[in-house]
PDB file of all heavy atoms in Angstrom:
ATOM      1  N   SER A   1     -88.732 165.389  61.308  1.00  0.00           N
ATOM      2  CA  SER A   1     -87.761 164.772  60.412  1.00  0.00           C
ATOM      3  C   SER A   1     -86.671 164.106  61.225  1.00  0.00           C
ATOM      4  O   SER A   1     -86.156 164.692  62.180  1.00  0.00           O
ATOM      5  CB  SER A   1     -87.144 165.811  59.479  1.00  0.00           C
ATOM      6  OG  SER A   1     -88.120 166.390  58.639  1.00  0.00           O
ATOM      7  N   THR A   2     -86.325 162.892  60.847  1.00  0.00           N
ATOM      8  CA  THR A   2     -85.232 162.172  61.479  1.00  0.00           C
ATOM      9  C   THR A   2     -84.348 161.561  60.417  1.00  0.00           C
ATOM     10  O   THR A   2     -84.763 161.367  59.276  1.00  0.00           O
ATOM     11  CB  THR A   2     -85.739 161.065  62.418  1.00  0.00           C
ATOM     12  OG1 THR A   2     -86.556 160.150  61.677  1.00  0.00           O
ATOM     13  CG2 THR A   2     -86.547 161.646  63.565  1.00  0.00           C
ATOM     14  N   ALA A   3     -83.126 161.265  60.797  1.00  0.00           N
ATOM     15  CA  ALA A   3     -82.184 160.626  59.897  1.00  0.00           C
ATOM     16  C   ALA A   3     -81.344 159.652  60.700  1.00  0.00           C
ATOM     17  O   ALA A   3     -80.996 159.918  61.854  1.00  0.00           O
ATOM     18  CB  ALA A   3     -81.300 161.663  59.216  1.00  0.00           C
ATOM     19  N   TYR A   4     -81.010 158.519  60.076  1.00  0.00           N
ATOM     20  CA  TYR A   4     -80.237 157.487  60.744  1.00  0.00           C
ATOM     21  C   TYR A   4     -79.159 156.951  59.830  1.00  0.00           C
ATOM     22  O   TYR A   4     -79.333 156.864  58.611  1.00  0.00           O
ATOM     23  CB  TYR A   4     -81.123 156.315  61.157  1.00  0.00           C
ATOM     24  CG  TYR A   4     -82.178 156.650  62.178  1.00  0.00           C
ATOM     25  CD1 TYR A   4     -83.465 157.010  61.781  1.00  0.00           C
ATOM     26  CD2 TYR A   4     -81.891 156.593  63.531  1.00  0.00           C
ATOM     27  CE1 TYR A   4     -84.438 157.315  62.721  1.00  0.00           C
ATOM     28  CE2 TYR A   4     -82.863 156.897  64.473  1.00  0.00           C
ATOM     29  CZ  TYR A   4     -84.130 157.254  64.065  1.00  0.00           C
ATOM     30  OH  TYR A   4     -85.088 157.556  65.004  1.00  0.00           O
ATOM     31  N   ALA A   5     -78.054 156.573  60.425  1.00  0.00           N
ATOM     32  CA  ALA A   5     -77.054 155.829  59.689  1.00  0.00           C
ATOM     33  C   ALA A   5     -77.612 154.454  59.340  1.00  0.00           C
ATOM     34  O   ALA A   5     -78.390 153.877  60.103  1.00  0.00           O
ATOM     35  CB  ALA A   5     -75.782 155.679  60.521  1.00  0.00           C
ATOM     36  N   ASP A   6     -77.218 153.929  58.188  1.00  0.00           N
ATOM     37  CA  ASP A   6     -77.711 152.623  57.767  1.00  0.00           C
ATOM     38  C   ASP A   6     -77.408 151.543  58.809  1.00  0.00           C
ATOM     39  O   ASP A   6     -78.197 150.610  58.995  1.00  0.00           O
ATOM     40  CB  ASP A   6     -77.098 152.226  56.429  1.00  0.00           C
ATOM     41  CG  ASP A   6     -77.646 153.029  55.266  1.00  0.00           C
ATOM     42  OD1 ASP A   6     -78.729 153.635  55.415  1.00  0.00           O
ATOM     43  OD2 ASP A   6     -76.999 153.044  54.202  1.00  0.00           O
ATOM     44  N   SER A   7     -76.303 151.671  59.498  1.00  0.00           N
ATOM     45  CA  SER A   7     -75.875 150.657  60.440  1.00  0.00           C
ATOM     46  C   SER A   7     -76.765 150.554  61.675  1.00  0.00           C
ATOM     47  O   SER A   7     -76.710 149.554  62.392  1.00  0.00           O
ATOM     48  CB  SER A   7     -74.430 150.911  60.873  1.00  0.00           C
ATOM     49  OG  SER A   7     -74.299 152.181  61.490  1.00  0.00           O
ATOM     50  N   VAL A   8     -77.581 151.590  61.935  1.00  0.00           N
ATOM     51  CA  VAL A   8     -78.410 151.579  63.135  1.00  0.00           C
ATOM     52  C   VAL A   8     -79.898 151.611  62.836  1.00  0.00           C
ATOM     53  O   VAL A   8     -80.713 151.525  63.770  1.00  0.00           O
ATOM     54  CB  VAL A   8     -78.053 152.748  64.084  1.00  0.00           C
ATOM     55  CG1 VAL A   8     -76.564 152.742  64.396  1.00  0.00           C
ATOM     56  CG2 VAL A   8     -78.484 154.085  63.488  1.00  0.00           C
ATOM     57  N   LYS A   9     -80.279 151.707  61.574  1.00  0.00           N
ATOM     58  CA  LYS A   9     -81.695 151.751  61.217  1.00  0.00           C
ATOM     59  C   LYS A   9     -82.415 150.502  61.717  1.00  0.00           C
ATOM     60  O   LYS A   9     -81.931 149.387  61.562  1.00  0.00           O
ATOM     61  CB  LYS A   9     -81.865 151.874  59.705  1.00  0.00           C
ATOM     62  CG  LYS A   9     -81.549 153.250  59.156  1.00  0.00           C
ATOM     63  CD  LYS A   9     -81.755 153.292  57.645  1.00  0.00           C
ATOM     64  CE  LYS A   9     -81.457 154.672  57.089  1.00  0.00           C
ATOM     65  NZ  LYS A   9     -81.597 154.717  55.615  1.00  0.00           N
ATOM     66  N   GLY A  10     -83.566 150.722  62.323  1.00  0.00           N
ATOM     67  CA  GLY A  10     -84.345 149.623  62.855  1.00  0.00           C
ATOM     68  C   GLY A  10     -83.957 149.220  64.255  1.00  0.00           C
ATOM     69  O   GLY A  10     -84.685 148.449  64.900  1.00  0.00           O
ATOM     70  N   ARG A  11     -82.830 149.714  64.742  1.00  0.00           N
ATOM     71  CA  ARG A  11     -82.374 149.382  66.084  1.00  0.00           C
ATOM     72  C   ARG A  11     -82.356 150.596  67.015  1.00  0.00           C
ATOM     73  O   ARG A  11     -82.631 150.465  68.206  1.00  0.00           O
ATOM     74  CB  ARG A  11     -80.970 148.776  66.043  1.00  0.00           C
ATOM     75  CG  ARG A  11     -80.879 147.492  65.229  1.00  0.00           C
ATOM     76  CD  ARG A  11     -79.516 146.826  65.398  1.00  0.00           C
ATOM     77  NE  ARG A  11     -78.427 147.675  64.914  1.00  0.00           N
ATOM     78  CZ  ARG A  11     -77.423 148.110  65.668  1.00  0.00           C
ATOM     79  NH1 ARG A  11     -77.354 147.766  66.952  1.00  0.00           N
ATOM     80  NH2 ARG A  11     -76.466 148.869  65.139  1.00  0.00           N
ATOM     81  N   PHE A  12     -81.999 151.757  66.475  1.00  0.00           N
ATOM     82  CA  PHE A  12     -81.905 152.975  67.274  1.00  0.00           C
ATOM     83  C   PHE A  12     -83.064 153.904  66.946  1.00  0.00           C
ATOM     84  O   PHE A  12     -83.518 153.979  65.796  1.00  0.00           O
ATOM     85  CB  PHE A  12     -80.599 153.719  66.984  1.00  0.00           C
ATOM     86  CG  PHE A  12     -79.347 153.041  67.467  1.00  0.00           C
ATOM     87  CD1 PHE A  12     -79.360 151.732  67.939  1.00  0.00           C
ATOM     88  CD2 PHE A  12     -78.147 153.731  67.448  1.00  0.00           C
ATOM     89  CE1 PHE A  12     -78.197 151.119  68.379  1.00  0.00           C
ATOM     90  CE2 PHE A  12     -76.981 153.130  67.884  1.00  0.00           C
ATOM     91  CZ  PHE A  12     -77.004 151.825  68.345  1.00  0.00           C
ATOM     92  N   THR A  13     -83.516 154.648  67.939  1.00  0.00           N
ATOM     93  CA  THR A  13     -84.562 155.642  67.749  1.00  0.00           C
ATOM     94  C   THR A  13     -84.168 156.935  68.439  1.00  0.00           C
ATOM     95  O   THR A  13     -83.847 156.934  69.630  1.00  0.00           O
ATOM     96  CB  THR A  13     -85.909 155.160  68.309  1.00  0.00           C
ATOM     97  OG1 THR A  13     -86.283 153.932  67.687  1.00  0.00           O
ATOM     98  CG2 THR A  13     -86.996 156.203  68.047  1.00  0.00           C
ATOM     99  N   ILE A  14     -84.189 158.032  67.689  1.00  0.00           N
ATOM    100  CA  ILE A  14     -83.895 159.330  68.264  1.00  0.00           C
ATOM    101  C   ILE A  14     -85.206 160.055  68.541  1.00  0.00           C
ATOM    102  O   ILE A  14     -86.156 159.966  67.766  1.00  0.00           O
ATOM    103  CB  ILE A  14     -82.983 160.167  67.340  1.00  0.00           C
ATOM    104  CG1 ILE A  14     -82.517 161.441  68.041  1.00  0.00           C
ATOM    105  CG2 ILE A  14     -83.669 160.490  66.018  1.00  0.00           C
ATOM    106  CD1 ILE A  14     -81.416 162.190  67.293  1.00  0.00           C
ATOM    107  N   SER A  15     -85.258 160.752  69.655  1.00  0.00           N
ATOM    108  CA  SER A  15     -86.436 161.523  70.019  1.00  0.00           C
ATOM    109  C   SER A  15     -86.001 162.722  70.837  1.00  0.00           C
ATOM    110  O   SER A  15     -84.842 162.820  71.246  1.00  0.00           O
ATOM    111  CB  SER A  15     -87.433 160.659  70.803  1.00  0.00           C
ATOM    112  OG  SER A  15     -86.864 160.201  72.016  1.00  0.00           O
ATOM    113  N   LYS A  16     -86.927 163.636  71.079  1.00  0.00           N
ATOM    114  CA  LYS A  16     -86.577 164.814  71.856  1.00  0.00           C
ATOM    115  C   LYS A  16     -87.756 165.339  72.641  1.00  0.00           C
ATOM    116  O   LYS A  16     -88.919 165.099  72.311  1.00  0.00           O
ATOM    117  CB  LYS A  16     -86.000 165.904  70.944  1.00  0.00           C
ATOM    118  CG  LYS A  16     -86.994 166.539  69.987  1.00  0.00           C
ATOM    119  CD  LYS A  16     -86.283 167.232  68.818  1.00  0.00           C
ATOM    120  CE  LYS A  16     -85.281 168.265  69.273  1.00  0.00           C
ATOM    121  NZ  LYS A  16     -85.944 169.536  69.704  1.00  0.00           N
ATOM    122  N   ASP A  17     -87.429 166.062  73.683  1.00  0.00           N
ATOM    123  CA  ASP A  17     -88.405 166.725  74.527  1.00  0.00           C
ATOM    124  C   ASP A  17     -87.995 168.185  74.577  1.00  0.00           C
ATOM    125  O   ASP A  17     -87.084 168.557  75.318  1.00  0.00           O
ATOM    126  CB  ASP A  17     -88.430 166.106  75.921  1.00  0.00           C
ATOM    127  CG  ASP A  17     -89.489 166.715  76.817  1.00  0.00           C
ATOM    128  OD1 ASP A  17     -89.978 167.819  76.531  1.00  0.00           O
ATOM    129  OD2 ASP A  17     -89.837 166.072  77.824  1.00  0.00           O
ATOM    130  N   ASN A  18     -88.653 169.000  73.771  1.00  0.00           N
ATOM    131  CA  ASN A  18     -88.265 170.403  73.684  1.00  0.00           C
ATOM    132  C   ASN A  18     -88.464 171.151  74.998  1.00  0.00           C
ATOM    133  O   ASN A  18     -87.702 172.059  75.325  1.00  0.00           O
ATOM    134  CB  ASN A  18     -89.044 171.097  72.570  1.00  0.00           C
ATOM    135  CG  ASN A  18     -88.588 170.685  71.193  1.00  0.00           C
ATOM    136  OD1 ASN A  18     -87.504 170.132  71.022  1.00  0.00           O
ATOM    137  ND2 ASN A  18     -89.414 170.941  70.193  1.00  0.00           N
ATOM    138  N   ALA A  19     -89.484 170.768  75.741  1.00  0.00           N
ATOM    139  CA  ALA A  19     -89.741 171.425  77.020  1.00  0.00           C
ATOM    140  C   ALA A  19     -88.590 171.213  77.994  1.00  0.00           C
ATOM    141  O   ALA A  19     -88.300 172.080  78.822  1.00  0.00           O
ATOM    142  CB  ALA A  19     -91.046 170.927  77.618  1.00  0.00           C
ATOM    143  N   GLN A  20     -87.936 170.058  77.902  1.00  0.00           N
ATOM    144  CA  GLN A  20     -86.814 169.742  78.773  1.00  0.00           C
ATOM    145  C   GLN A  20     -85.470 170.008  78.106  1.00  0.00           C
ATOM    146  O   GLN A  20     -84.427 169.780  78.732  1.00  0.00           O
ATOM    147  CB  GLN A  20     -86.886 168.285  79.220  1.00  0.00           C
ATOM    148  CG  GLN A  20     -88.103 167.962  80.072  1.00  0.00           C
ATOM    149  CD  GLN A  20     -88.076 168.688  81.399  1.00  0.00           C
ATOM    150  OE1 GLN A  20     -87.022 168.808  82.032  1.00  0.00           O
ATOM    151  NE2 GLN A  20     -89.225 169.180  81.832  1.00  0.00           N
ATOM    152  N   ASN A  21     -85.496 170.472  76.859  1.00  0.00           N
ATOM    153  CA  ASN A  21     -84.266 170.747  76.119  1.00  0.00           C
ATOM    154  C   ASN A  21     -83.356 169.524  76.100  1.00  0.00           C
ATOM    155  O   ASN A  21     -82.139 169.622  76.314  1.00  0.00           O
ATOM    156  CB  ASN A  21     -83.525 171.936  76.728  1.00  0.00           C
ATOM    157  CG  ASN A  21     -83.226 173.023  75.724  1.00  0.00           C
ATOM    158  OD1 ASN A  21     -83.810 173.085  74.641  1.00  0.00           O
ATOM    159  ND2 ASN A  21     -82.303 173.902  76.076  1.00  0.00           N
ATOM    160  N   THR A  22     -83.950 168.384  75.831  1.00  0.00           N
ATOM    161  CA  THR A  22     -83.236 167.121  75.902  1.00  0.00           C
ATOM    162  C   THR A  22     -83.515 166.273  74.665  1.00  0.00           C
ATOM    163  O   THR A  22     -84.645 166.215  74.184  1.00  0.00           O
ATOM    164  CB  THR A  22     -83.642 166.334  77.158  1.00  0.00           C
ATOM    165  OG1 THR A  22     -83.372 167.130  78.320  1.00  0.00           O
ATOM    166  CG2 THR A  22     -82.874 165.033  77.262  1.00  0.00           C
ATOM    167  N   VAL A  23     -82.480 165.624  74.156  1.00  0.00           N
ATOM    168  CA  VAL A  23     -82.618 164.685  73.060  1.00  0.00           C
ATOM    169  C   VAL A  23     -82.194 163.310  73.563  1.00  0.00           C
ATOM    170  O   VAL A  23     -81.274 163.191  74.385  1.00  0.00           O
ATOM    171  CB  VAL A  23     -81.796 165.122  71.830  1.00  0.00           C
ATOM    172  CG1 VAL A  23     -80.306 165.164  72.143  1.00  0.00           C
ATOM    173  CG2 VAL A  23     -82.079 164.206  70.650  1.00  0.00           C
ATOM    174  N   TYR A  24     -82.864 162.276  73.073  1.00  0.00           N
ATOM    175  CA  TYR A  24     -82.617 160.914  73.524  1.00  0.00           C
ATOM    176  C   TYR A  24     -82.204 160.023  72.359  1.00  0.00           C
ATOM    177  O   TYR A  24     -82.531 160.286  71.202  1.00  0.00           O
ATOM    178  CB  TYR A  24     -83.876 160.323  74.160  1.00  0.00           C
ATOM    179  CG  TYR A  24     -84.404 161.113  75.325  1.00  0.00           C
ATOM    180  CD1 TYR A  24     -85.385 162.085  75.149  1.00  0.00           C
ATOM    181  CD2 TYR A  24     -83.922 160.893  76.609  1.00  0.00           C
ATOM    182  CE1 TYR A  24     -85.873 162.814  76.214  1.00  0.00           C
ATOM    183  CE2 TYR A  24     -84.403 161.619  77.684  1.00  0.00           C
ATOM    184  CZ  TYR A  24     -85.381 162.578  77.483  1.00  0.00           C
ATOM    185  OH  TYR A  24     -85.861 163.303  78.554  1.00  0.00           O
ATOM    186  N   LEU A  25     -81.513 158.971  72.681  1.00  0.00           N
ATOM    187  CA  LEU A  25     -81.194 157.937  71.709  1.00  0.00           C
ATOM    188  C   LEU A  25     -81.464 156.589  72.359  1.00  0.00           C
ATOM    189  O   LEU A  25     -80.712 156.161  73.239  1.00  0.00           O
ATOM    190  CB  LEU A  25     -79.738 158.025  71.244  1.00  0.00           C
ATOM    191  CG  LEU A  25     -79.347 157.058  70.126  1.00  0.00           C
ATOM    192  CD1 LEU A  25     -80.056 157.436  68.823  1.00  0.00           C
ATOM    193  CD2 LEU A  25     -77.835 157.049  69.915  1.00  0.00           C
ATOM    194  N   GLN A  26     -82.546 155.953  71.945  1.00  0.00           N
ATOM    195  CA  GLN A  26     -82.865 154.614  72.415  1.00  0.00           C
ATOM    196  C   GLN A  26     -82.132 153.621  71.534  1.00  0.00           C
ATOM    197  O   GLN A  26     -82.334 153.597  70.321  1.00  0.00           O
ATOM    198  CB  GLN A  26     -84.370 154.367  72.354  1.00  0.00           C
ATOM    199  CG  GLN A  26     -84.788 152.969  72.793  1.00  0.00           C
ATOM    200  CD  GLN A  26     -84.531 152.716  74.260  1.00  0.00           C
ATOM    201  OE1 GLN A  26     -84.857 153.551  75.102  1.00  0.00           O
ATOM    202  NE2 GLN A  26     -83.932 151.581  74.578  1.00  0.00           N
ATOM    203  N   MET A  27     -81.295 152.800  72.125  1.00  0.00           N
ATOM    204  CA  MET A  27     -80.475 151.857  71.394  1.00  0.00           C
ATOM    205  C   MET A  27     -80.873 150.448  71.788  1.00  0.00           C
ATOM    206  O   MET A  27     -80.689 150.044  72.941  1.00  0.00           O
ATOM    207  CB  MET A  27     -78.991 152.093  71.668  1.00  0.00           C
ATOM    208  CG  MET A  27     -78.535 153.523  71.395  1.00  0.00           C
ATOM    209  SD  MET A  27     -76.746 153.739  71.572  1.00  0.00           S
ATOM    210  CE  MET A  27     -76.571 153.437  73.332  1.00  0.00           C
ATOM    211  N   ASN A  28     -81.414 149.705  70.844  1.00  0.00           N
ATOM    212  CA  ASN A  28     -81.824 148.328  71.063  1.00  0.00           C
ATOM    213  C   ASN A  28     -80.977 147.388  70.220  1.00  0.00           C
ATOM    214  O   ASN A  28     -80.328 147.800  69.267  1.00  0.00           O
ATOM    215  CB  ASN A  28     -83.302 148.146  70.712  1.00  0.00           C
ATOM    216  CG  ASN A  28     -84.224 148.986  71.557  1.00  0.00           C
ATOM    217  OD1 ASN A  28     -83.963 149.225  72.737  1.00  0.00           O
ATOM    218  ND2 ASN A  28     -85.330 149.432  70.961  1.00  0.00           N
ATOM    219  N   SER A  29     -81.020 146.120  70.575  1.00  0.00           N
ATOM    220  CA  SER A  29     -80.284 145.086  69.837  1.00  0.00           C
ATOM    221  C   SER A  29     -78.837 145.491  69.614  1.00  0.00           C
ATOM    222  O   SER A  29     -78.304 145.399  68.511  1.00  0.00           O
ATOM    223  CB  SER A  29     -80.981 144.812  68.497  1.00  0.00           C
ATOM    224  OG  SER A  29     -82.315 144.395  68.692  1.00  0.00           O
ATOM    225  N   LEU A  30     -78.206 145.924  70.669  1.00  0.00           N
ATOM    226  CA  LEU A  30     -76.843 146.436  70.560  1.00  0.00           C
ATOM    227  C   LEU A  30     -75.861 145.354  70.129  1.00  0.00           C
ATOM    228  O   LEU A  30     -75.987 144.188  70.506  1.00  0.00           O
ATOM    229  CB  LEU A  30     -76.407 147.049  71.885  1.00  0.00           C
ATOM    230  CG  LEU A  30     -76.998 148.435  72.152  1.00  0.00           C
ATOM    231  CD1 LEU A  30     -76.885 148.799  73.627  1.00  0.00           C
ATOM    232  CD2 LEU A  30     -76.288 149.481  71.295  1.00  0.00           C
ATOM    233  N   LYS A  31     -74.893 145.783  69.346  1.00  0.00           N
ATOM    234  CA  LYS A  31     -73.852 144.912  68.818  1.00  0.00           C
ATOM    235  C   LYS A  31     -72.494 145.396  69.296  1.00  0.00           C
ATOM    236  O   LYS A  31     -72.321 146.575  69.587  1.00  0.00           O
ATOM    237  CB  LYS A  31     -73.878 144.924  67.285  1.00  0.00           C
ATOM    238  CG  LYS A  31     -75.214 144.564  66.667  1.00  0.00           C
ATOM    239  CD  LYS A  31     -75.167 144.742  65.155  1.00  0.00           C
ATOM    240  CE  LYS A  31     -76.490 144.403  64.517  1.00  0.00           C
ATOM    241  NZ  LYS A  31     -76.458 144.593  63.043  1.00  0.00           N
ATOM    242  N   PRO A  32     -71.505 144.508  69.353  1.00  0.00           N
ATOM    243  CA  PRO A  32     -70.167 144.946  69.754  1.00  0.00           C
ATOM    244  C   PRO A  32     -69.639 146.098  68.910  1.00  0.00           C
ATOM    245  O   PRO A  32     -68.916 146.954  69.431  1.00  0.00           O
ATOM    246  CB  PRO A  32     -69.317 143.686  69.572  1.00  0.00           C
ATOM    247  CG  PRO A  32     -70.275 142.575  69.823  1.00  0.00           C
ATOM    248  CD  PRO A  32     -71.572 143.039  69.211  1.00  0.00           C
ATOM    249  N   GLU A  33     -69.999 146.141  67.635  1.00  0.00           N
ATOM    250  CA  GLU A  33     -69.539 147.215  66.775  1.00  0.00           C
ATOM    251  C   GLU A  33     -70.166 148.567  67.091  1.00  0.00           C
ATOM    252  O   GLU A  33     -69.760 149.584  66.528  1.00  0.00           O
ATOM    253  CB  GLU A  33     -69.760 146.875  65.290  1.00  0.00           C
ATOM    254  CG  GLU A  33     -71.149 146.367  64.982  1.00  0.00           C
ATOM    255  CD  GLU A  33     -71.221 144.847  64.936  1.00  0.00           C
ATOM    256  OE1 GLU A  33     -70.692 144.204  65.863  1.00  0.00           O
ATOM    257  OE2 GLU A  33     -71.798 144.300  63.971  1.00  0.00           O
ATOM    258  N   ASP A  34     -71.149 148.593  67.990  1.00  0.00           N
ATOM    259  CA  ASP A  34     -71.710 149.851  68.461  1.00  0.00           C
ATOM    260  C   ASP A  34     -70.847 150.487  69.549  1.00  0.00           C
ATOM    261  O   ASP A  34     -71.117 151.621  69.960  1.00  0.00           O
ATOM    262  CB  ASP A  34     -73.126 149.649  69.003  1.00  0.00           C
ATOM    263  CG  ASP A  34     -74.112 149.217  67.933  1.00  0.00           C
ATOM    264  OD1 ASP A  34     -74.053 149.769  66.812  1.00  0.00           O
ATOM    265  OD2 ASP A  34     -74.946 148.345  68.220  1.00  0.00           O
ATOM    266  N   THR A  35     -69.859 149.769  70.023  1.00  0.00           N
ATOM    267  CA  THR A  35     -68.983 150.287  71.067  1.00  0.00           C
ATOM    268  C   THR A  35     -68.278 151.552  70.584  1.00  0.00           C
ATOM    269  O   THR A  35     -67.609 151.547  69.551  1.00  0.00           O
ATOM    270  CB  THR A  35     -67.949 149.238  71.476  1.00  0.00           C
ATOM    271  OG1 THR A  35     -68.611 148.118  72.071  1.00  0.00           O
ATOM    272  CG2 THR A  35     -66.955 149.806  72.473  1.00  0.00           C
ATOM    273  N   ALA A  36     -68.426 152.625  71.336  1.00  0.00           N
ATOM    274  CA  ALA A  36     -67.850 153.914  70.958  1.00  0.00           C
ATOM    275  C   ALA A  36     -68.174 154.934  72.031  1.00  0.00           C
ATOM    276  O   ALA A  36     -68.975 154.682  72.935  1.00  0.00           O
ATOM    277  CB  ALA A  36     -68.414 154.389  69.611  1.00  0.00           C
ATOM    278  N   VAL A  37     -67.550 156.089  71.916  1.00  0.00           N
ATOM    279  CA  VAL A  37     -67.975 157.244  72.687  1.00  0.00           C
ATOM    280  C   VAL A  37     -69.032 157.963  71.866  1.00  0.00           C
ATOM    281  O   VAL A  37     -68.808 158.275  70.694  1.00  0.00           O
ATOM    282  CB  VAL A  37     -66.808 158.194  73.004  1.00  0.00           C
ATOM    283  CG1 VAL A  37     -67.311 159.433  73.737  1.00  0.00           C
ATOM    284  CG2 VAL A  37     -65.754 157.480  73.835  1.00  0.00           C
ATOM    285  N   TYR A  38     -70.176 158.206  72.463  1.00  0.00           N
ATOM    286  CA  TYR A  38     -71.288 158.842  71.775  1.00  0.00           C
ATOM    287  C   TYR A  38     -71.362 160.311  72.167  1.00  0.00           C
ATOM    288  O   TYR A  38     -71.366 160.648  73.352  1.00  0.00           O
ATOM    289  CB  TYR A  38     -72.603 158.136  72.115  1.00  0.00           C
ATOM    290  CG  TYR A  38     -72.766 156.828  71.384  1.00  0.00           C
ATOM    291  CD1 TYR A  38     -71.970 155.732  71.704  1.00  0.00           C
ATOM    292  CD2 TYR A  38     -73.693 156.688  70.356  1.00  0.00           C
ATOM    293  CE1 TYR A  38     -72.086 154.537  71.018  1.00  0.00           C
ATOM    294  CE2 TYR A  38     -73.826 155.494  69.674  1.00  0.00           C
ATOM    295  CZ  TYR A  38     -73.020 154.425  70.007  1.00  0.00           C
ATOM    296  OH  TYR A  38     -73.157 153.238  69.324  1.00  0.00           O
ATOM    297  N   TYR A  39     -71.432 161.168  71.156  1.00  0.00           N
ATOM    298  CA  TYR A  39     -71.441 162.611  71.353  1.00  0.00           C
ATOM    299  C   TYR A  39     -72.743 163.216  70.853  1.00  0.00           C
ATOM    300  O   TYR A  39     -73.233 162.859  69.782  1.00  0.00           O
ATOM    301  CB  TYR A  39     -70.288 163.269  70.596  1.00  0.00           C
ATOM    302  CG  TYR A  39     -68.917 162.868  71.071  1.00  0.00           C
ATOM    303  CD1 TYR A  39     -68.237 161.818  70.474  1.00  0.00           C
ATOM    304  CD2 TYR A  39     -68.300 163.550  72.115  1.00  0.00           C
ATOM    305  CE1 TYR A  39     -66.973 161.448  70.905  1.00  0.00           C
ATOM    306  CE2 TYR A  39     -67.040 163.189  72.548  1.00  0.00           C
ATOM    307  CZ  TYR A  39     -66.379 162.144  71.941  1.00  0.00           C
ATOM    308  OH  TYR A  39     -65.119 161.787  72.370  1.00  0.00           O
ATOM    309  N   CYS A  40     -73.261 164.136  71.614  1.00  0.00           N
ATOM    310  CA  CYS A  40     -74.444 164.893  71.240  1.00  0.00           C
ATOM    311  C   CYS A  40     -74.025 166.205  70.588  1.00  0.00           C
ATOM    312  O   CYS A  40     -73.016 166.807  70.978  1.00  0.00           O
ATOM    313  CB  CYS A  40     -75.286 165.167  72.486  1.00  0.00           C
ATOM    314  SG  CYS A  40     -76.728 166.212  72.242  1.00  0.00           S
ATOM    315  N   THR A  41     -74.789 166.659  69.599  1.00  0.00           N
ATOM    316  CA  THR A  41     -74.491 167.920  68.945  1.00  0.00           C
ATOM    317  C   THR A  41     -75.774 168.659  68.598  1.00  0.00           C
ATOM    318  O   THR A  41     -76.846 168.056  68.507  1.00  0.00           O
ATOM    319  CB  THR A  41     -73.647 167.702  67.672  1.00  0.00           C
ATOM    320  OG1 THR A  41     -73.222 168.966  67.151  1.00  0.00           O
ATOM    321  CG2 THR A  41     -74.460 166.972  66.599  1.00  0.00           C
ATOM    322  N   ALA A  42     -75.653 169.963  68.419  1.00  0.00           N
ATOM    323  CA  ALA A  42     -76.771 170.808  68.027  1.00  0.00           C
ATOM    324  C   ALA A  42     -76.326 171.736  66.910  1.00  0.00           C
ATOM    325  O   ALA A  42     -75.222 172.290  66.955  1.00  0.00           O
ATOM    326  CB  ALA A  42     -77.287 171.619  69.208  1.00  0.00           C
ATOM    327  N   GLY A  43     -77.179 171.902  65.913  1.00  0.00           N
ATOM    328  CA  GLY A  43     -76.887 172.776  64.795  1.00  0.00           C
ATOM    329  C   GLY A  43     -78.161 173.204  64.110  1.00  0.00           C
ATOM    330  O   GLY A  43     -79.250 172.767  64.477  1.00  0.00           O
ATOM    331  N   ARG A  44     -78.015 174.052  63.103  1.00  0.00           N
ATOM    332  CA  ARG A  44     -79.196 174.604  62.467  1.00  0.00           C
ATOM    333  C   ARG A  44     -79.961 173.593  61.634  1.00  0.00           C
ATOM    334  O   ARG A  44     -81.185 173.658  61.545  1.00  0.00           O
ATOM    335  CB  ARG A  44     -78.812 175.807  61.606  1.00  0.00           C
ATOM    336  CG  ARG A  44     -78.676 177.093  62.408  1.00  0.00           C
ATOM    337  CD  ARG A  44     -80.003 177.430  63.048  1.00  0.00           C
ATOM    338  NE  ARG A  44     -79.957 178.670  63.809  1.00  0.00           N
ATOM    339  CZ  ARG A  44     -80.952 179.133  64.539  1.00  0.00           C
ATOM    340  NH1 ARG A  44     -82.095 178.457  64.594  1.00  0.00           N
ATOM    341  NH2 ARG A  44     -80.821 180.268  65.209  1.00  0.00           N
ATOM    342  N   PHE A  45     -79.259 172.638  61.032  1.00  0.00           N
ATOM    343  CA  PHE A  45     -79.904 171.692  60.135  1.00  0.00           C
ATOM    344  C   PHE A  45     -79.363 170.287  60.357  1.00  0.00           C
ATOM    345  O   PHE A  45     -78.192 170.104  60.692  1.00  0.00           O
ATOM    346  CB  PHE A  45     -79.685 172.095  58.664  1.00  0.00           C
ATOM    347  CG  PHE A  45     -80.037 173.512  58.367  1.00  0.00           C
ATOM    348  CD1 PHE A  45     -79.052 174.485  58.275  1.00  0.00           C
ATOM    349  CD2 PHE A  45     -81.356 173.885  58.174  1.00  0.00           C
ATOM    350  CE1 PHE A  45     -79.374 175.803  57.998  1.00  0.00           C
ATOM    351  CE2 PHE A  45     -81.689 175.199  57.901  1.00  0.00           C
ATOM    352  CZ  PHE A  45     -80.696 176.155  57.815  1.00  0.00           C
TER     353      PHE A  45
END
């Protein structure tokens, strides 16, 4: 299951590698409005 903000649908892809305990965010077709500090988080749901 994945979920995306409407503003990034079709441009960003989230994926993960459980063996490496790592989550990724592939960001394509970047726009100036994507400028921000990006934070990773973990939770139950």
